[in-house]
Amino acid sequence: MSVYLDFQPQKSSRVRESIEWSIRYSYRTEANDLPRVLLIGDSICNAYHGAVAARLGDDAVITYWASSKCVTDPDYFRELDFVIDGDHGQYAAISFNNGLHSLTTDRAEWNEAYRAVIRYLQAKCPNAKLVLTLSTPSRNPDQNDRVLTINEDTRAAAKEADLPVIDLYGAVADLDWDAFMSDSVHWKSEGVDVQADCIVTNIRELLK
């Protein structure tokens, strides 16, 4: 029996988006002598993964999985399990984010499922250093209030599990959002570069 079945939600009130998507790349699969880093996130992760890979250079290689799925979707666990099995779970570090596609999700269900993902990752990849990554802002004030709530919940989960946090929100909080964002949640290349710098700085610290 697959490990993820012990952790995925048995039921969820979440209604799926009209388009659900997943993107997974595993780079430099022949580089078995380098530490491999797994980046888990959404379209924000999809935007910064290339810059992260370039900055890590020959110090580490990356796999990333970007998806619209909320952690409360039982299929989230099944797809994540597939991604990890593709690399045989051989990760030195894992950056885990889930939030911007969870703005309308029931908070209690999200908190339970989010913590279940943490436990799943710890069980599936016991040798990986796990870090929780906060969600980036929204220019929509109502949405941003929910982002802040999600980030507070993420910090609480990190404290409970004694895990570090990558403050990706704080990294871009002082930027001119009108100038650096291309829409309400996505970022122009300059903003993506700031996020990549933040991710890499924290990943390098984990890999020490």
Protein backbone atom coordinates (compact mmCIF):
# COMPACT_ATOMS: atom_id res chain seq x y z
CA MET A 1 0.00 0.00 0.00
CA SER A 2 1.28 3.46 -0.87
CA VAL A 3 2.32 5.64 2.05
CA TYR A 4 0.19 8.60 0.94
CA LEU A 5 -3.04 6.71 1.58
CA ASP A 6 -2.36 6.96 5.30
CA PHE A 7 -2.31 10.76 5.12
CA GLN A 8 -4.69 12.03 2.42
CA PRO A 9 -8.03 13.54 3.51
CA GLN A 10 -10.92 11.11 3.48
CA LYS A 11 -13.33 13.85 2.49
CA SER A 12 -13.21 17.51 1.49
CA SER A 13 -15.76 20.27 0.92
CA ARG A 14 -13.48 22.01 -1.59
CA VAL A 15 -14.85 22.53 -5.10
CA ARG A 16 -12.18 22.12 -7.76
CA GLU A 17 -11.27 25.00 -10.08
CA SER A 18 -12.63 24.92 -13.62
CA ILE A 19 -9.09 24.16 -14.84
CA GLU A 20 -6.78 22.09 -12.64
CA TRP A 21 -3.15 21.66 -13.69
CA SER A 22 0.15 20.09 -12.64
CA ILE A 23 3.69 20.60 -13.94
CA ARG A 24 6.65 18.49 -12.89
CA TYR A 25 10.26 18.69 -14.07
CA SER A 26 13.26 16.82 -12.72
CA TYR A 27 16.47 18.41 -13.97
CA ARG A 28 19.87 16.79 -14.49
CA THR A 29 18.69 13.34 -13.51
CA GLU A 30 22.16 11.95 -14.24
CA ALA A 31 23.76 14.13 -11.53
CA ASN A 32 23.61 11.56 -8.75
CA ASP A 33 26.62 13.10 -7.01
CA LEU A 34 24.80 16.38 -6.30
CA PRO A 35 22.16 17.06 -3.63
CA ARG A 36 18.66 17.21 -5.10
CA VAL A 37 16.14 19.80 -3.94
CA LEU A 38 12.37 19.42 -4.34
CA LEU A 39 10.37 22.62 -4.80
CA ILE A 40 6.63 22.23 -4.20
CA GLY A 41 4.29 25.09 -5.02
CA ASP A 42 2.02 26.66 -7.62
CA SER A 43 2.46 29.11 -10.52
CA ILE A 44 4.75 31.24 -8.35
CA CYS A 45 7.06 28.23 -8.00
CA ASN A 46 6.68 27.54 -11.71
CA ALA A 47 7.96 31.07 -12.37
CA TYR A 48 11.00 31.02 -10.06
CA HIS A 49 12.21 27.43 -10.45
CA GLY A 50 14.46 28.21 -13.44
CA ALA A 51 16.14 31.09 -11.67
CA VAL A 52 16.62 28.91 -8.59
CA ALA A 53 18.22 26.16 -10.67
CA ALA A 54 20.55 28.64 -12.35
CA ARG A 55 21.63 30.19 -9.05
CA LEU A 56 22.33 26.82 -7.45
CA GLY A 57 24.60 25.98 -10.36
CA ASP A 58 26.69 22.90 -9.66
CA ASP A 59 25.98 22.97 -5.93
CA ALA A 60 22.56 21.29 -6.19
CA VAL A 61 19.96 20.20 -8.75
CA ILE A 62 16.21 20.58 -8.57
CA THR A 63 12.95 18.81 -9.12
CA TYR A 64 9.85 20.96 -8.97
CA TRP A 65 6.15 20.25 -8.85
CA ALA A 66 3.79 23.15 -9.44
CA SER A 67 0.06 22.54 -9.22
CA SER A 68 -3.27 24.29 -8.82
CA LYS A 69 -4.37 21.64 -6.35
CA CYS A 70 -5.14 22.52 -2.76
CA VAL A 71 -3.82 20.20 -0.06
CA THR A 72 -7.43 19.35 0.82
CA ASP A 73 -7.86 17.59 -2.53
CA PRO A 74 -7.18 13.84 -1.97
CA ASP A 75 -5.52 13.76 -5.40
CA TYR A 76 -2.92 16.21 -4.10
CA PHE A 77 -1.32 13.41 -2.11
CA ARG A 78 -1.49 10.92 -4.96
CA GLU A 79 0.21 13.29 -7.39
CA LEU A 80 2.85 14.34 -4.85
CA ASP A 81 3.59 10.68 -4.18
CA PHE A 82 4.08 10.11 -7.92
CA VAL A 83 6.52 13.04 -8.11
CA ILE A 84 8.59 11.80 -5.19
CA ASP A 85 8.66 8.22 -6.46
CA GLY A 86 10.06 9.53 -9.75
CA ASP A 87 13.19 10.62 -7.87
CA HIS A 88 13.09 7.66 -5.45
CA GLY A 89 12.66 10.18 -2.65
CA GLN A 90 16.34 11.09 -2.75
CA TYR A 91 16.10 14.71 -1.66
CA ALA A 92 18.51 16.67 0.46
CA ALA A 93 15.96 19.45 0.99
CA ILE A 94 12.28 20.13 0.29
CA SER A 95 10.58 23.53 0.05
CA PHE A 96 6.83 23.13 0.56
CA ASN A 97 4.26 25.80 -0.29
CA ASN A 98 0.49 25.63 -0.72
CA GLY A 99 -1.74 28.66 -0.37
CA LEU A 100 -2.72 30.84 -3.31
CA HIS A 101 -5.08 28.21 -4.69
CA SER A 102 -6.53 27.75 -1.21
CA LEU A 103 -7.92 31.23 -0.66
CA THR A 104 -11.52 29.99 -0.55
CA THR A 105 -10.80 26.66 1.15
CA ASP A 106 -12.31 25.90 4.54
CA ARG A 107 -9.59 26.92 6.99
CA ALA A 108 -10.04 23.98 9.36
CA GLU A 109 -9.86 21.49 6.49
CA TRP A 110 -6.78 23.23 5.08
CA ASN A 111 -4.97 23.27 8.41
CA GLU A 112 -5.62 19.58 8.92
CA ALA A 113 -4.56 18.63 5.39
CA TYR A 114 -1.51 20.92 5.41
CA ARG A 115 -0.20 19.28 8.56
CA ALA A 116 -0.91 15.88 7.02
CA VAL A 117 1.35 16.80 4.09
CA ILE A 118 4.11 17.70 6.54
CA ARG A 119 3.78 14.32 8.23
CA TYR A 120 3.64 12.57 4.87
CA LEU A 121 6.83 14.29 3.64
CA GLN A 122 8.62 13.43 6.85
CA ALA A 123 7.57 9.80 6.54
CA LYS A 124 8.26 9.52 2.81
CA CYS A 125 11.56 11.44 2.79
CA PRO A 126 12.99 11.08 6.31
CA ASN A 127 16.48 12.22 5.27
CA ALA A 128 15.35 15.44 3.61
CA LYS A 129 15.50 18.79 5.36
CA LEU A 130 11.98 20.20 5.12
CA VAL A 131 11.23 23.94 5.02
CA LEU A 132 7.80 25.57 4.78
CA THR A 133 7.54 28.45 2.32
CA LEU A 134 5.07 31.28 2.79
CA SER A 135 2.78 32.44 0.00
CA THR A 136 3.42 35.66 -1.90
CA PRO A 137 1.03 38.64 -1.75
CA SER A 138 -2.05 39.49 -3.76
CA ARG A 139 -2.71 43.03 -4.93
CA ASN A 140 -6.40 42.41 -4.20
CA PRO A 141 -6.83 43.60 -0.58
CA ASP A 142 -9.47 41.01 0.32
CA GLN A 143 -7.40 38.21 -1.19
CA ASN A 144 -4.28 39.49 0.53
CA ASP A 145 -5.99 39.36 3.90
CA ARG A 146 -6.59 35.65 3.24
CA VAL A 147 -2.97 35.20 2.14
CA LEU A 148 -1.84 36.68 5.43
CA THR A 149 -4.13 34.28 7.31
CA ILE A 150 -2.72 31.33 5.38
CA ASN A 151 0.81 32.46 6.17
CA GLU A 152 -0.05 32.77 9.85
CA ASP A 153 -1.39 29.21 9.75
CA THR A 154 1.77 28.08 7.96
CA ARG A 155 3.95 29.63 10.64
CA ALA A 156 1.88 27.91 13.33
CA ALA A 157 2.34 24.55 11.59
CA ALA A 158 6.08 25.19 11.32
CA LYS A 159 6.31 25.97 15.03
CA GLU A 160 4.40 22.80 15.93
CA ALA A 161 6.66 20.65 13.75
CA ASP A 162 9.86 22.56 14.64
CA LEU A 163 10.52 23.42 11.00
CA PRO A 164 12.14 26.50 9.42
CA VAL A 165 10.17 28.93 7.27
CA ILE A 166 11.09 30.74 4.05
CA ASP A 167 9.41 34.16 4.24
CA LEU A 168 8.71 34.63 0.55
CA TYR A 169 6.01 37.17 1.41
CA GLY A 170 8.46 39.30 3.34
CA ALA A 171 10.99 39.10 0.52
CA VAL A 172 8.68 41.05 -1.79
CA ALA A 173 6.58 42.96 0.74
CA ASP A 174 8.51 46.23 0.33
CA LEU A 175 8.59 46.16 -3.47
CA ASP A 176 6.36 48.43 -5.51
CA TRP A 177 3.68 45.84 -6.31
CA ASP A 178 2.20 47.96 -9.10
CA ALA A 179 5.60 48.01 -10.80
CA PHE A 180 6.76 44.48 -10.04
CA MET A 181 3.53 42.49 -10.50
CA SER A 182 1.97 41.57 -13.84
CA ASP A 183 -1.49 40.94 -12.38
CA SER A 184 -3.04 40.47 -8.94
CA VAL A 185 -0.74 37.57 -7.92
CA HIS A 186 1.93 36.99 -10.59
CA TRP A 187 5.28 38.74 -10.86
CA LYS A 188 7.43 40.28 -13.56
CA SER A 189 10.97 38.97 -13.98
CA GLU A 190 12.43 41.43 -11.47
CA GLY A 191 10.07 40.19 -8.77
CA VAL A 192 10.75 36.57 -9.67
CA ASP A 193 14.47 37.23 -9.27
CA VAL A 194 13.91 38.55 -5.74
CA GLN A 195 11.95 35.40 -4.88
CA ALA A 196 14.62 33.14 -6.39
CA ASP A 197 17.33 34.88 -4.35
CA CYS A 198 15.28 34.31 -1.20
CA ILE A 199 14.69 30.62 -1.97
CA VAL A 200 18.34 29.96 -2.84
CA THR A 201 19.67 31.74 0.25
CA ASN A 202 17.50 29.55 2.45
CA ILE A 203 18.19 26.34 0.52
CA ARG A 204 21.94 26.90 0.74
CA GLU A 205 21.58 27.32 4.48
CA LEU A 206 19.67 24.04 4.70
CA LEU A 207 22.28 22.21 2.67
CA LYS A 208 25.20 23.28 4.88
